[in-house]
């Protein structure tokens, strides 16, 4: 059984609002920042277990013009 849910992640990049939908089993704030960085092209996505995704401190992402990351369940 698939337990993944849809989430909406909103953020700003260089002051411009951005938004996207992602399907994950669960989401927290650190993971939302990670995926916002991936969507913005600042962080690369880990492809395998040998090349895992690395969570980056929100302060580091703010230096790269990503800010105001929020998330919510889709459809709410």
PDB file of N, CA and C in Angstrom:
ATOM      1  N   UNK A   1       0.836  -1.183   0.000  1.00  0.00           N
ATOM      2  CA  UNK A   1       0.000   0.000   0.000  1.00  0.00           C
ATOM      3  C   UNK A   1       0.881   1.246   0.000  1.00  0.00           C
ATOM      4  N   UNK A   2       0.564   2.165  -0.859  1.00  0.00           N
ATOM      5  CA  UNK A   2       1.299   3.419  -0.959  1.00  0.00           C
ATOM      6  C   UNK A   2       0.774   4.392   0.088  1.00  0.00           C
ATOM      7  N   UNK A   3       1.657   4.865   0.964  1.00  0.00           N
ATOM      8  CA  UNK A   3       1.250   5.803   2.014  1.00  0.00           C
ATOM      9  C   UNK A   3       1.686   7.235   1.711  1.00  0.00           C
ATOM     10  N   UNK A   4       2.159   7.488   0.499  1.00  0.00           N
ATOM     11  CA  UNK A   4       2.628   8.827   0.140  1.00  0.00           C
ATOM     12  C   UNK A   4       1.457   9.799   0.069  1.00  0.00           C
ATOM     13  N   UNK A   5       1.755  11.034   0.423  1.00  0.00           N
ATOM     14  CA  UNK A   5       0.757  12.104   0.397  1.00  0.00           C
ATOM     15  C   UNK A   5       1.298  13.244  -0.445  1.00  0.00           C
ATOM     16  N   UNK A   6       0.414  14.110  -0.879  1.00  0.00           N
ATOM     17  CA  UNK A   6       0.809  15.285  -1.637  1.00  0.00           C
ATOM     18  C   UNK A   6       0.969  16.487  -0.708  1.00  0.00           C
ATOM     19  N   UNK A   7       2.047  17.225  -0.922  1.00  0.00           N
ATOM     20  CA  UNK A   7       2.321  18.429  -0.149  1.00  0.00           C
ATOM     21  C   UNK A   7       2.632  19.574  -1.102  1.00  0.00           C
ATOM     22  N   UNK A   8       2.268  20.776  -0.696  1.00  0.00           N
ATOM     23  CA  UNK A   8       2.600  21.990  -1.449  1.00  0.00           C
ATOM     24  C   UNK A   8       3.700  22.715  -0.679  1.00  0.00           C
ATOM     25  N   UNK A   9       4.778  23.045  -1.372  1.00  0.00           N
ATOM     26  CA  UNK A   9       5.873  23.799  -0.770  1.00  0.00           C
ATOM     27  C   UNK A   9       5.926  25.159  -1.461  1.00  0.00           C
ATOM     28  N   UNK A  10       5.837  26.215  -0.662  1.00  0.00           N
ATOM     29  CA  UNK A  10       5.912  27.593  -1.152  1.00  0.00           C
ATOM     30  C   UNK A  10       7.210  28.206  -0.637  1.00  0.00           C
ATOM     31  N   UNK A  11       7.863  29.006  -1.472  1.00  0.00           N
ATOM     32  CA  UNK A  11       9.080  29.708  -1.055  1.00  0.00           C
ATOM     33  C   UNK A  11       9.291  30.907  -1.965  1.00  0.00           C
ATOM     34  N   UNK A  12      10.261  31.733  -1.612  1.00  0.00           N
ATOM     35  CA  UNK A  12      10.629  32.838  -2.485  1.00  0.00           C
ATOM     36  C   UNK A  12      12.070  32.643  -2.938  1.00  0.00           C
ATOM     37  N   UNK A  13      12.324  32.976  -4.195  1.00  0.00           N
ATOM     38  CA  UNK A  13      13.658  32.903  -4.779  1.00  0.00           C
ATOM     39  C   UNK A  13      13.947  34.271  -5.393  1.00  0.00           C
ATOM     40  N   UNK A  14      14.928  34.961  -4.857  1.00  0.00           N
ATOM     41  CA  UNK A  14      15.250  36.334  -5.279  1.00  0.00           C
ATOM     42  C   UNK A  14      14.014  37.224  -5.204  1.00  0.00           C
ATOM     43  N   UNK A  15      13.186  37.006  -4.180  1.00  0.00           N
ATOM     44  CA  UNK A  15      11.999  37.820  -3.963  1.00  0.00           C
ATOM     45  C   UNK A  15      10.784  37.420  -4.775  1.00  0.00           C
ATOM     46  N   UNK A  16      10.922  36.464  -5.675  1.00  0.00           N
ATOM     47  CA  UNK A  16       9.808  36.002  -6.504  1.00  0.00           C
ATOM     48  C   UNK A  16       9.162  34.777  -5.865  1.00  0.00           C
ATOM     49  N   UNK A  17       7.844  34.766  -5.712  1.00  0.00           N
ATOM     50  CA  UNK A  17       7.190  33.604  -5.114  1.00  0.00           C
ATOM     51  C   UNK A  17       7.236  32.388  -6.044  1.00  0.00           C
ATOM     52  N   UNK A  18       7.516  31.242  -5.460  1.00  0.00           N
ATOM     53  CA  UNK A  18       7.554  29.963  -6.178  1.00  0.00           C
ATOM     54  C   UNK A  18       6.737  28.959  -5.389  1.00  0.00           C
ATOM     55  N   UNK A  19       6.248  27.945  -6.080  1.00  0.00           N
ATOM     56  CA  UNK A  19       5.438  26.928  -5.436  1.00  0.00           C
ATOM     57  C   UNK A  19       5.507  25.649  -6.256  1.00  0.00           C
ATOM     58  N   UNK A  20       5.468  24.505  -5.595  1.00  0.00           N
ATOM     59  CA  UNK A  20       5.414  23.226  -6.299  1.00  0.00           C
ATOM     60  C   UNK A  20       4.772  22.175  -5.402  1.00  0.00           C
ATOM     61  N   UNK A  21       4.358  21.090  -6.022  1.00  0.00           N
ATOM     62  CA  UNK A  21       3.720  19.976  -5.303  1.00  0.00           C
ATOM     63  C   UNK A  21       4.667  18.790  -5.328  1.00  0.00           C
ATOM     64  N   UNK A  22       4.765  18.094  -4.208  1.00  0.00           N
ATOM     65  CA  UNK A  22       5.638  16.930  -4.106  1.00  0.00           C
ATOM     66  C   UNK A  22       4.899  15.803  -3.401  1.00  0.00           C
ATOM     67  N   UNK A  23       5.187  14.572  -3.803  1.00  0.00           N
ATOM     68  CA  UNK A  23       4.581  13.391  -3.179  1.00  0.00           C
ATOM     69  C   UNK A  23       5.630  12.720  -2.297  1.00  0.00           C
ATOM     70  N   UNK A  24       5.357  12.683  -0.998  1.00  0.00           N
ATOM     71  CA  UNK A  24       6.245  12.071  -0.020  1.00  0.00           C
ATOM     72  C   UNK A  24       5.411  11.363   1.045  1.00  0.00           C
ATOM     73  N   UNK A  25       5.983  10.373   1.723  1.00  0.00           N
ATOM     74  CA  UNK A  25       5.245   9.723   2.811  1.00  0.00           C
ATOM     75  C   UNK A  25       4.997  10.678   3.983  1.00  0.00           C
ATOM     76  N   UNK A  26       5.977  11.582   4.242  1.00  0.00           N
ATOM     77  CA  UNK A  26       5.838  12.591   5.296  1.00  0.00           C
ATOM     78  C   UNK A  26       6.755  13.751   4.967  1.00  0.00           C
ATOM     79  N   UNK A  27       6.479  14.876   5.589  1.00  0.00           N
ATOM     80  CA  UNK A  27       7.271  16.077   5.314  1.00  0.00           C
ATOM     81  C   UNK A  27       7.453  16.834   6.618  1.00  0.00           C
ATOM     82  N   UNK A  28       8.637  17.403   6.795  1.00  0.00           N
ATOM     83  CA  UNK A  28       8.907  18.286   7.924  1.00  0.00           C
ATOM     84  C   UNK A  28       9.577  19.547   7.374  1.00  0.00           C
ATOM     85  N   UNK A  29       9.843  20.487   8.219  1.00  0.00           N
ATOM     86  CA  UNK A  29      10.368  21.776   7.774  1.00  0.00           C
ATOM     87  C   UNK A  29      11.752  21.639   7.143  1.00  0.00           C
ATOM     88  N   UNK A  30      12.637  20.845   7.735  1.00  0.00           N
ATOM     89  CA  UNK A  30      13.984  20.672   7.173  1.00  0.00           C
ATOM     90  C   UNK A  30      13.916  20.051   5.782  1.00  0.00           C
ATOM     91  N   UNK A  31      13.042  19.088   5.606  1.00  0.00           N
ATOM     92  CA  UNK A  31      12.896  18.447   4.299  1.00  0.00           C
ATOM     93  C   UNK A  31      12.278  19.414   3.289  1.00  0.00           C
ATOM     94  N   UNK A  32      11.359  20.255   3.738  1.00  0.00           N
ATOM     95  CA  UNK A  32      10.758  21.253   2.845  1.00  0.00           C
ATOM     96  C   UNK A  32      11.826  22.229   2.351  1.00  0.00           C
ATOM     97  N   UNK A  33      12.723  22.666   3.232  1.00  0.00           N
ATOM     98  CA  UNK A  33      13.815  23.544   2.817  1.00  0.00           C
ATOM     99  C   UNK A  33      14.698  22.835   1.799  1.00  0.00           C
ATOM    100  N   UNK A  34      14.995  21.566   2.030  1.00  0.00           N
ATOM    101  CA  UNK A  34      15.824  20.796   1.106  1.00  0.00           C
ATOM    102  C   UNK A  34      15.196  20.769  -0.290  1.00  0.00           C
ATOM    103  N   UNK A  35      13.907  20.422  -0.357  1.00  0.00           N
ATOM    104  CA  UNK A  35      13.244  20.313  -1.655  1.00  0.00           C
ATOM    105  C   UNK A  35      13.068  21.680  -2.323  1.00  0.00           C
ATOM    106  N   UNK A  36      12.919  22.736  -1.542  1.00  0.00           N
ATOM    107  CA  UNK A  36      12.874  24.084  -2.127  1.00  0.00           C
ATOM    108  C   UNK A  36      14.212  24.409  -2.781  1.00  0.00           C
ATOM    109  N   UNK A  37      15.306  24.023  -2.123  1.00  0.00           N
ATOM    110  CA  UNK A  37      16.633  24.217  -2.708  1.00  0.00           C
ATOM    111  C   UNK A  37      16.813  23.418  -3.991  1.00  0.00           C
ATOM    112  N   UNK A  38      16.281  22.196  -4.008  1.00  0.00           N
ATOM    113  CA  UNK A  38      16.344  21.376  -5.228  1.00  0.00           C
ATOM    114  C   UNK A  38      15.528  22.007  -6.343  1.00  0.00           C
ATOM    115  N   UNK A  39      14.322  22.477  -6.021  1.00  0.00           N
ATOM    116  CA  UNK A  39      13.462  23.096  -7.032  1.00  0.00           C
ATOM    117  C   UNK A  39      14.114  24.355  -7.606  1.00  0.00           C
ATOM    118  N   UNK A  40      14.836  25.081  -6.758  1.00  0.00           N
ATOM    119  CA  UNK A  40      15.495  26.313  -7.199  1.00  0.00           C
ATOM    120  C   UNK A  40      16.785  26.025  -7.970  1.00  0.00           C
ATOM    121  N   UNK A  41      17.254  24.789  -7.945  1.00  0.00           N
ATOM    122  CA  UNK A  41      18.482  24.445  -8.646  1.00  0.00           C
ATOM    123  C   UNK A  41      19.739  24.710  -7.854  1.00  0.00           C
ATOM    124  N   UNK A  42      19.608  24.910  -6.558  1.00  0.00           N
ATOM    125  CA  UNK A  42      20.751  25.200  -5.701  1.00  0.00           C
ATOM    126  C   UNK A  42      21.348  23.922  -5.114  1.00  0.00           C
ATOM    127  N   UNK A  43      20.521  22.932  -4.871  1.00  0.00           N
ATOM    128  CA  UNK A  43      20.950  21.656  -4.288  1.00  0.00           C
ATOM    129  C   UNK A  43      20.699  20.569  -5.320  1.00  0.00           C
ATOM    130  N   UNK A  44      21.627  19.616  -5.401  1.00  0.00           N
ATOM    131  CA  UNK A  44      21.381  18.502  -6.309  1.00  0.00           C
ATOM    132  C   UNK A  44      20.656  17.392  -5.557  1.00  0.00           C
ATOM    133  N   UNK A  45      19.913  16.604  -6.284  1.00  0.00           N
ATOM    134  CA  UNK A  45      19.135  15.513  -5.705  1.00  0.00           C
ATOM    135  C   UNK A  45      20.003  14.274  -5.662  1.00  0.00           C
ATOM    136  N   UNK A  46      20.110  13.640  -4.488  1.00  0.00           N
ATOM    137  CA  UNK A  46      20.832  12.387  -4.364  1.00  0.00           C
ATOM    138  C   UNK A  46      20.107  11.294  -5.134  1.00  0.00           C
ATOM    139  N   UNK A  47      20.829  10.529  -5.915  1.00  0.00           N
ATOM    140  CA  UNK A  47      20.197   9.553  -6.803  1.00  0.00           C
ATOM    141  C   UNK A  47      20.150   8.130  -6.244  1.00  0.00           C
ATOM    142  N   UNK A  48      21.098   7.746  -5.417  1.00  0.00           N
ATOM    143  CA  UNK A  48      21.159   6.369  -4.916  1.00  0.00           C
ATOM    144  C   UNK A  48      21.489   6.366  -3.433  1.00  0.00           C
ATOM    145  N   UNK A  49      21.495   5.169  -2.833  1.00  0.00           N
ATOM    146  CA  UNK A  49      21.882   5.048  -1.428  1.00  0.00           C
ATOM    147  C   UNK A  49      23.348   5.427  -1.219  1.00  0.00           C
ATOM    148  N   UNK A  50      24.162   5.203  -2.231  1.00  0.00           N
ATOM    149  CA  UNK A  50      25.580   5.571  -2.137  1.00  0.00           C
ATOM    150  C   UNK A  50      25.803   7.072  -2.337  1.00  0.00           C
ATOM    151  N   UNK A  51      24.819   7.741  -2.870  1.00  0.00           N
ATOM    152  CA  UNK A  51      24.877   9.172  -3.131  1.00  0.00           C
ATOM    153  C   UNK A  51      23.670   9.826  -2.459  1.00  0.00           C
ATOM    154  N   UNK A  52      23.631   9.818  -1.116  1.00  0.00           N
ATOM    155  CA  UNK A  52      22.421  10.289  -0.435  1.00  0.00           C
ATOM    156  C   UNK A  52      22.227  11.798  -0.528  1.00  0.00           C
ATOM    157  N   UNK A  53      20.993  12.207  -0.339  1.00  0.00           N
ATOM    158  CA  UNK A  53      20.664  13.629  -0.288  1.00  0.00           C
ATOM    159  C   UNK A  53      21.228  14.211   1.007  1.00  0.00           C
ATOM    160  N   UNK A  54      21.730  15.432   0.932  1.00  0.00           N
ATOM    161  CA  UNK A  54      22.298  16.087   2.102  1.00  0.00           C
ATOM    162  C   UNK A  54      21.438  17.282   2.470  1.00  0.00           C
ATOM    163  N   UNK A  55      20.912  17.265   3.686  1.00  0.00           N
ATOM    164  CA  UNK A  55      20.130  18.401   4.164  1.00  0.00           C
ATOM    165  C   UNK A  55      21.080  19.560   4.448  1.00  0.00           C
ATOM    166  N   UNK A  56      20.680  20.745   4.040  1.00  0.00           N
ATOM    167  CA  UNK A  56      21.501  21.939   4.197  1.00  0.00           C
ATOM    168  C   UNK A  56      20.797  22.886   5.162  1.00  0.00           C
ATOM    169  N   UNK A  57      21.562  23.549   5.955  1.00  0.00           N
ATOM    170  CA  UNK A  57      21.061  24.516   6.918  1.00  0.00           C
ATOM    171  C   UNK A  57      20.281  25.616   6.183  1.00  0.00           C
ATOM    172  N   UNK A  58      19.093  25.984   6.689  1.00  0.00           N
ATOM    173  CA  UNK A  58      18.327  27.069   6.055  1.00  0.00           C
ATOM    174  C   UNK A  58      19.121  28.371   5.906  1.00  0.00           C
ATOM    175  N   UNK A  59      20.037  28.644   6.832  1.00  0.00           N
ATOM    176  CA  UNK A  59      20.846  29.867   6.721  1.00  0.00           C
ATOM    177  C   UNK A  59      21.710  29.830   5.462  1.00  0.00           C
ATOM    178  N   UNK A  60      22.211  28.657   5.096  1.00  0.00           N
ATOM    179  CA  UNK A  60      22.998  28.524   3.869  1.00  0.00           C
ATOM    180  C   UNK A  60      22.130  28.772   2.632  1.00  0.00           C
ATOM    181  N   UNK A  61      20.895  28.282   2.668  1.00  0.00           N
ATOM    182  CA  UNK A  61      19.991  28.498   1.542  1.00  0.00           C
ATOM    183  C   UNK A  61      19.567  29.965   1.446  1.00  0.00           C
ATOM    184  N   UNK A  62      19.425  30.635   2.590  1.00  0.00           N
ATOM    185  CA  UNK A  62      19.078  32.051   2.562  1.00  0.00           C
ATOM    186  C   UNK A  62      20.188  32.872   1.913  1.00  0.00           C
ATOM    187  N   UNK A  63      21.436  32.430   2.044  1.00  0.00           N
ATOM    188  CA  UNK A  63      22.548  33.106   1.369  1.00  0.00           C
ATOM    189  C   UNK A  63      22.428  32.966  -0.146  1.00  0.00           C
ATOM    190  N   UNK A  64      21.723  31.948  -0.587  1.00  0.00           N
ATOM    191  CA  UNK A  64      21.532  31.704  -2.018  1.00  0.00           C
ATOM    192  C   UNK A  64      20.163  32.204  -2.483  1.00  0.00           C
ATOM    193  N   UNK A  65      19.575  33.134  -1.720  1.00  0.00           N
ATOM    194  CA  UNK A  65      18.346  33.858  -2.075  1.00  0.00           C
ATOM    195  C   UNK A  65      17.074  33.031  -1.967  1.00  0.00           C
ATOM    196  N   UNK A  66      17.078  31.957  -1.187  1.00  0.00           N
ATOM    197  CA  UNK A  66      15.861  31.189  -0.925  1.00  0.00           C
ATOM    198  C   UNK A  66      15.364  31.586   0.455  1.00  0.00           C
ATOM    199  N   UNK A  67      14.086  31.923   0.566  1.00  0.00           N
ATOM    200  CA  UNK A  67      13.539  32.376   1.844  1.00  0.00           C
ATOM    201  C   UNK A  67      12.067  31.995   1.954  1.00  0.00           C
ATOM    202  N   UNK A  68      11.522  32.194   3.136  1.00  0.00           N
ATOM    203  CA  UNK A  68      10.091  32.029   3.409  1.00  0.00           C
ATOM    204  C   UNK A  68       9.546  30.668   2.979  1.00  0.00           C
ATOM    205  N   UNK A  69      10.250  29.604   3.319  1.00  0.00           N
ATOM    206  CA  UNK A  69       9.796  28.265   2.938  1.00  0.00           C
ATOM    207  C   UNK A  69       8.692  27.827   3.889  1.00  0.00           C
ATOM    208  N   UNK A  70       7.544  27.517   3.323  1.00  0.00           N
ATOM    209  CA  UNK A  70       6.421  26.987   4.097  1.00  0.00           C
ATOM    210  C   UNK A  70       5.870  25.788   3.340  1.00  0.00           C
ATOM    211  N   UNK A  71       5.161  24.932   4.049  1.00  0.00           N
ATOM    212  CA  UNK A  71       4.568  23.766   3.401  1.00  0.00           C
ATOM    213  C   UNK A  71       3.231  23.448   4.042  1.00  0.00           C
ATOM    214  N   UNK A  72       2.402  22.720   3.286  1.00  0.00           N
ATOM    215  CA  UNK A  72       1.088  22.310   3.773  1.00  0.00           C
ATOM    216  C   UNK A  72       0.662  21.085   2.976  1.00  0.00           C
ATOM    217  N   UNK A  73      -0.294  20.371   3.508  1.00  0.00           N
ATOM    218  CA  UNK A  73      -0.862  19.248   2.773  1.00  0.00           C
ATOM    219  C   UNK A  73      -1.647  19.796   1.593  1.00  0.00           C
ATOM    220  N   UNK A  74      -1.552  19.145   0.449  1.00  0.00           N
ATOM    221  CA  UNK A  74      -2.283  19.589  -0.744  1.00  0.00           C
ATOM    222  C   UNK A  74      -3.771  19.397  -0.521  1.00  0.00           C
ATOM    223  N   UNK A  75      -4.561  20.276  -1.087  1.00  0.00           N
ATOM    224  CA  UNK A  75      -6.006  20.181  -0.986  1.00  0.00           C
ATOM    225  C   UNK A  75      -6.583  20.785   0.272  1.00  0.00           C
ATOM    226  N   UNK A  76      -5.757  21.506   1.031  1.00  0.00           N
ATOM    227  CA  UNK A  76      -6.248  22.124   2.263  1.00  0.00           C
ATOM    228  C   UNK A  76      -6.086  23.612   2.203  1.00  0.00           C
TER     229      UNK A  76
END
